[in-house]
Amino acid sequence: MRTILLGMALAVGVAIALPAAAVEPAEKMADPALEARAESVGRELRCLVCQNESIEESAASLAHDIRVLLRERIKAGDNDRQATQYIVDRYGEFVLLKPRMEPATYVLWFGPPAILVLGGAVLLWRARSRGKLLPPAPLGAEERARLAALLKDGDS
């Protein structure tokens, strides 16, 4: 039991330390205000290798390259929007963790709610149409006799 708890504590410690270790000390800018801006913008950019992490959390070499490029742009005087746009121009819209609201991404923004509403409408329609079904007609004399014969044969 003690080994399991120790292993779990180690796993949690590693999970917490890895994102913090992603940004290497050599990458950090000397000016804390510029570094804070770079980290803020970096948290909005996707690691193209990991895809579910920002470049600030990822230890991938491509994420490192994008972090360095981002910090160079900020150091050169770009504002946050210009630095982000430079990265997007270079790597494409996919690099944004939150896609922009524009005609090219309307499917991403409105597709899931539309599918949910459409699915709900289909379920509601099916539930209502099932309620309209008529009960089966009662068996005729010939059908009752045939059913009785079948049940009688099934017992033996």
C-alpha atoms as a PDB file:
ATOM      1  CA  MET A   1       0.000   0.000   0.000  1.00  0.00           C
ATOM      2  CA  ARG A   2       2.808   2.345   0.886  1.00  0.00           C
ATOM      3  CA  THR A   3       4.498   1.675  -2.465  1.00  0.00           C
ATOM      4  CA  ILE A   4       1.294   2.495  -4.335  1.00  0.00           C
ATOM      5  CA  LEU A   5       0.898   5.808  -2.494  1.00  0.00           C
ATOM      6  CA  LEU A   6       4.532   6.669  -3.110  1.00  0.00           C
ATOM      7  CA  GLY A   7       4.143   5.844  -6.816  1.00  0.00           C
ATOM      8  CA  MET A   8       0.999   7.987  -7.070  1.00  0.00           C
ATOM      9  CA  ALA A   9       2.726  10.903  -5.331  1.00  0.00           C
ATOM     10  CA  LEU A  10       5.656  10.599  -7.733  1.00  0.00           C
ATOM     11  CA  ALA A  11       3.330  10.522 -10.761  1.00  0.00           C
ATOM     12  CA  VAL A  12       1.487  13.639  -9.567  1.00  0.00           C
ATOM     13  CA  GLY A  13       4.796  15.396  -8.927  1.00  0.00           C
ATOM     14  CA  VAL A  14       6.059  14.577 -12.404  1.00  0.00           C
ATOM     15  CA  ALA A  15       2.757  15.686 -13.982  1.00  0.00           C
ATOM     16  CA  ILE A  16       3.020  19.026 -12.206  1.00  0.00           C
ATOM     17  CA  ALA A  17       6.729  19.520 -12.901  1.00  0.00           C
ATOM     18  CA  LEU A  18       6.751  18.665 -16.621  1.00  0.00           C
ATOM     19  CA  PRO A  19       4.755  21.675 -17.837  1.00  0.00           C
ATOM     20  CA  ALA A  20       6.854  23.951 -15.652  1.00  0.00           C
ATOM     21  CA  ALA A  21      10.043  22.475 -17.113  1.00  0.00           C
ATOM     22  CA  ALA A  22       8.911  22.924 -20.730  1.00  0.00           C
ATOM     23  CA  VAL A  23      10.231  26.488 -21.003  1.00  0.00           C
ATOM     24  CA  GLU A  24      13.968  26.234 -20.743  1.00  0.00           C
ATOM     25  CA  PRO A  25      15.895  28.871 -18.760  1.00  0.00           C
ATOM     26  CA  ALA A  26      17.834  29.874 -21.879  1.00  0.00           C
ATOM     27  CA  GLU A  27      14.549  30.776 -23.603  1.00  0.00           C
ATOM     28  CA  LYS A  28      13.363  33.159 -20.905  1.00  0.00           C
ATOM     29  CA  MET A  29      13.640  36.861 -21.534  1.00  0.00           C
ATOM     30  CA  ALA A  30      15.519  39.127 -19.149  1.00  0.00           C
ATOM     31  CA  ASP A  31      12.593  41.557 -18.849  1.00  0.00           C
ATOM     32  CA  PRO A  32       9.890  39.972 -16.632  1.00  0.00           C
ATOM     33  CA  ALA A  33       7.118  42.013 -18.283  1.00  0.00           C
ATOM     34  CA  LEU A  34       8.089  40.829 -21.774  1.00  0.00           C
ATOM     35  CA  GLU A  35       8.449  37.253 -20.494  1.00  0.00           C
ATOM     36  CA  ALA A  36       4.952  37.419 -18.973  1.00  0.00           C
ATOM     37  CA  ARG A  37       3.569  38.631 -22.324  1.00  0.00           C
ATOM     38  CA  ALA A  38       5.391  35.851 -24.175  1.00  0.00           C
ATOM     39  CA  GLU A  39       4.017  33.233 -21.758  1.00  0.00           C
ATOM     40  CA  SER A  40       0.513  34.646 -22.097  1.00  0.00           C
ATOM     41  CA  VAL A  41       0.633  34.523 -25.901  1.00  0.00           C
ATOM     42  CA  GLY A  42       2.346  31.130 -25.809  1.00  0.00           C
ATOM     43  CA  ARG A  43      -0.525  29.635 -23.795  1.00  0.00           C
ATOM     44  CA  GLU A  44      -2.832  30.477 -26.731  1.00  0.00           C
ATOM     45  CA  LEU A  45      -0.660  28.681 -29.322  1.00  0.00           C
ATOM     46  CA  ARG A  46      -0.893  24.935 -29.935  1.00  0.00           C
ATOM     47  CA  CYS A  47       2.098  22.641 -30.001  1.00  0.00           C
ATOM     48  CA  LEU A  48       1.936  21.161 -33.497  1.00  0.00           C
ATOM     49  CA  VAL A  49       3.477  17.913 -32.264  1.00  0.00           C
ATOM     50  CA  CYS A  50       1.438  17.329 -29.093  1.00  0.00           C
ATOM     51  CA  GLN A  51      -1.708  19.138 -30.355  1.00  0.00           C
ATOM     52  CA  ASN A  52      -3.437  19.178 -26.954  1.00  0.00           C
ATOM     53  CA  GLU A  53      -0.842  21.320 -25.239  1.00  0.00           C
ATOM     54  CA  SER A  54       0.179  24.900 -25.603  1.00  0.00           C
ATOM     55  CA  ILE A  55       3.736  25.643 -26.668  1.00  0.00           C
ATOM     56  CA  GLU A  56       4.415  26.786 -23.099  1.00  0.00           C
ATOM     57  CA  GLU A  57       3.526  23.326 -21.737  1.00  0.00           C
ATOM     58  CA  SER A  58       5.150  21.205 -24.430  1.00  0.00           C
ATOM     59  CA  ALA A  59       8.682  19.884 -24.300  1.00  0.00           C
ATOM     60  CA  ALA A  60       8.711  19.082 -28.043  1.00  0.00           C
ATOM     61  CA  SER A  61      11.507  20.596 -30.083  1.00  0.00           C
ATOM     62  CA  LEU A  62       9.054  22.277 -32.492  1.00  0.00           C
ATOM     63  CA  ALA A  63       7.318  23.925 -29.526  1.00  0.00           C
ATOM     64  CA  HIS A  64      10.748  25.135 -28.383  1.00  0.00           C
ATOM     65  CA  ASP A  65      11.368  26.645 -31.831  1.00  0.00           C
ATOM     66  CA  ILE A  66       7.995  28.425 -31.801  1.00  0.00           C
ATOM     67  CA  ARG A  67       8.622  29.720 -28.255  1.00  0.00           C
ATOM     68  CA  VAL A  68      11.987  31.136 -29.341  1.00  0.00           C
ATOM     69  CA  LEU A  69      10.427  32.691 -32.459  1.00  0.00           C
ATOM     70  CA  LEU A  70       7.615  34.204 -30.393  1.00  0.00           C
ATOM     71  CA  ARG A  71      10.053  35.713 -27.907  1.00  0.00           C
ATOM     72  CA  GLU A  72      12.142  37.139 -30.770  1.00  0.00           C
ATOM     73  CA  ARG A  73       9.052  38.841 -32.225  1.00  0.00           C
ATOM     74  CA  ILE A  74       8.075  40.292 -28.852  1.00  0.00           C
ATOM     75  CA  LYS A  75      11.633  41.455 -28.200  1.00  0.00           C
ATOM     76  CA  ALA A  76      11.613  43.098 -31.675  1.00  0.00           C
ATOM     77  CA  GLY A  77       8.655  45.241 -30.582  1.00  0.00           C
ATOM     78  CA  ASP A  78       5.616  43.348 -31.881  1.00  0.00           C
ATOM     79  CA  ASN A  79       2.481  43.605 -29.793  1.00  0.00           C
ATOM     80  CA  ASP A  80       0.684  40.387 -28.780  1.00  0.00           C
ATOM     81  CA  ARG A  81      -1.627  40.410 -31.807  1.00  0.00           C
ATOM     82  CA  GLN A  82       1.228  41.000 -34.270  1.00  0.00           C
ATOM     83  CA  ALA A  83       3.369  38.263 -32.709  1.00  0.00           C
ATOM     84  CA  THR A  84       0.439  35.822 -32.808  1.00  0.00           C
ATOM     85  CA  GLN A  85      -0.339  36.736 -36.417  1.00  0.00           C
ATOM     86  CA  TYR A  86       3.295  36.192 -37.393  1.00  0.00           C
ATOM     87  CA  ILE A  87       3.170  32.662 -35.947  1.00  0.00           C
ATOM     88  CA  VAL A  88      -0.212  32.005 -37.634  1.00  0.00           C
ATOM     89  CA  ASP A  89       1.114  33.255 -40.976  1.00  0.00           C
ATOM     90  CA  ARG A  90       4.050  30.899 -40.658  1.00  0.00           C
ATOM     91  CA  TYR A  91       2.320  27.768 -39.286  1.00  0.00           C
ATOM     92  CA  GLY A  92      -1.351  28.216 -40.237  1.00  0.00           C
ATOM     93  CA  GLU A  93      -4.584  28.705 -38.283  1.00  0.00           C
ATOM     94  CA  PHE A  94      -4.217  25.263 -36.691  1.00  0.00           C
ATOM     95  CA  VAL A  95      -1.550  26.683 -34.378  1.00  0.00           C
ATOM     96  CA  LEU A  96      -4.264  28.601 -32.481  1.00  0.00           C
ATOM     97  CA  LEU A  97      -5.736  26.675 -29.536  1.00  0.00           C
ATOM     98  CA  LYS A  98      -8.958  28.684 -29.897  1.00  0.00           C
ATOM     99  CA  PRO A  99      -9.816  29.151 -33.580  1.00  0.00           C
ATOM    100  CA  ARG A 100     -10.939  32.611 -34.646  1.00  0.00           C
ATOM    101  CA  MET A 101     -14.592  33.313 -35.467  1.00  0.00           C
ATOM    102  CA  GLU A 102     -14.518  33.768 -39.238  1.00  0.00           C
ATOM    103  CA  PRO A 103     -16.286  32.142 -42.205  1.00  0.00           C
ATOM    104  CA  ALA A 104     -13.596  29.479 -42.583  1.00  0.00           C
ATOM    105  CA  THR A 105     -14.168  28.291 -38.992  1.00  0.00           C
ATOM    106  CA  TYR A 106     -17.960  28.596 -38.742  1.00  0.00           C
ATOM    107  CA  VAL A 107     -18.240  24.804 -38.982  1.00  0.00           C
ATOM    108  CA  LEU A 108     -15.991  24.460 -35.932  1.00  0.00           C
ATOM    109  CA  TRP A 109     -18.019  26.965 -33.920  1.00  0.00           C
ATOM    110  CA  PHE A 110     -21.556  26.170 -35.035  1.00  0.00           C
ATOM    111  CA  GLY A 111     -21.296  22.545 -36.213  1.00  0.00           C
ATOM    112  CA  PRO A 112     -21.445  20.794 -32.816  1.00  0.00           C
ATOM    113  CA  PRO A 113     -24.456  22.801 -31.530  1.00  0.00           C
ATOM    114  CA  ALA A 114     -26.226  22.291 -34.878  1.00  0.00           C
ATOM    115  CA  ILE A 115     -25.636  18.527 -34.716  1.00  0.00           C
ATOM    116  CA  LEU A 116     -26.896  18.482 -31.125  1.00  0.00           C
ATOM    117  CA  VAL A 117     -30.083  20.375 -32.041  1.00  0.00           C
ATOM    118  CA  LEU A 118     -30.632  18.207 -35.128  1.00  0.00           C
ATOM    119  CA  GLY A 119     -30.137  15.011 -33.117  1.00  0.00           C
ATOM    120  CA  GLY A 120     -32.582  16.229 -30.467  1.00  0.00           C
ATOM    121  CA  ALA A 121     -35.149  17.054 -33.145  1.00  0.00           C
ATOM    122  CA  VAL A 122     -34.794  13.584 -34.683  1.00  0.00           C
ATOM    123  CA  LEU A 123     -35.187  11.928 -31.269  1.00  0.00           C
ATOM    124  CA  LEU A 124     -38.260  14.046 -30.508  1.00  0.00           C
ATOM    125  CA  TRP A 125     -39.784  13.254 -33.916  1.00  0.00           C
ATOM    126  CA  ARG A 126     -39.159   9.520 -33.431  1.00  0.00           C
ATOM    127  CA  ALA A 127     -40.650   9.575 -29.928  1.00  0.00           C
ATOM    128  CA  ARG A 128     -43.770  11.342 -31.195  1.00  0.00           C
ATOM    129  CA  SER A 129     -44.147   9.054 -34.211  1.00  0.00           C
ATOM    130  CA  ARG A 130     -43.950   5.983 -31.958  1.00  0.00           C
ATOM    131  CA  GLY A 131     -46.825   7.322 -29.880  1.00  0.00           C
ATOM    132  CA  LYS A 132     -49.007   7.493 -32.987  1.00  0.00           C
ATOM    133  CA  LEU A 133     -48.666   3.778 -33.764  1.00  0.00           C
ATOM    134  CA  LEU A 134     -51.923   1.904 -33.530  1.00  0.00           C
ATOM    135  CA  PRO A 135     -52.151  -1.098 -31.232  1.00  0.00           C
ATOM    136  CA  PRO A 136     -52.057  -4.399 -33.085  1.00  0.00           C
ATOM    137  CA  ALA A 137     -55.396  -5.746 -34.281  1.00  0.00           C
ATOM    138  CA  PRO A 138     -56.816  -8.634 -32.242  1.00  0.00           C
ATOM    139  CA  LEU A 139     -56.197 -12.129 -33.590  1.00  0.00           C
ATOM    140  CA  GLY A 140     -58.875 -13.724 -35.679  1.00  0.00           C
ATOM    141  CA  ALA A 141     -60.327 -17.190 -34.949  1.00  0.00           C
ATOM    142  CA  GLU A 142     -58.021 -18.881 -37.469  1.00  0.00           C
ATOM    143  CA  GLU A 143     -54.903 -17.123 -36.079  1.00  0.00           C
ATOM    144  CA  ARG A 144     -55.851 -18.054 -32.484  1.00  0.00           C
ATOM    145  CA  ALA A 145     -56.243 -21.699 -33.465  1.00  0.00           C
ATOM    146  CA  ARG A 146     -52.838 -21.679 -35.223  1.00  0.00           C
ATOM    147  CA  LEU A 147     -51.191 -20.010 -32.202  1.00  0.00           C
ATOM    148  CA  ALA A 148     -52.729 -22.575 -29.851  1.00  0.00           C
ATOM    149  CA  ALA A 149     -51.396 -25.387 -32.062  1.00  0.00           C
ATOM    150  CA  LEU A 150     -47.926 -23.865 -32.084  1.00  0.00           C
ATOM    151  CA  LEU A 151     -47.919 -23.456 -28.320  1.00  0.00           C
ATOM    152  CA  LYS A 152     -49.171 -27.017 -27.878  1.00  0.00           C
ATOM    153  CA  ASP A 153     -46.347 -28.340 -30.125  1.00  0.00           C
ATOM    154  CA  GLY A 154     -43.814 -26.237 -28.197  1.00  0.00           C
ATOM    155  CA  ASP A 155     -44.771 -27.855 -24.877  1.00  0.00           C
ATOM    156  CA  SER A 156     -44.001 -31.367 -26.078  1.00  0.00           C
END
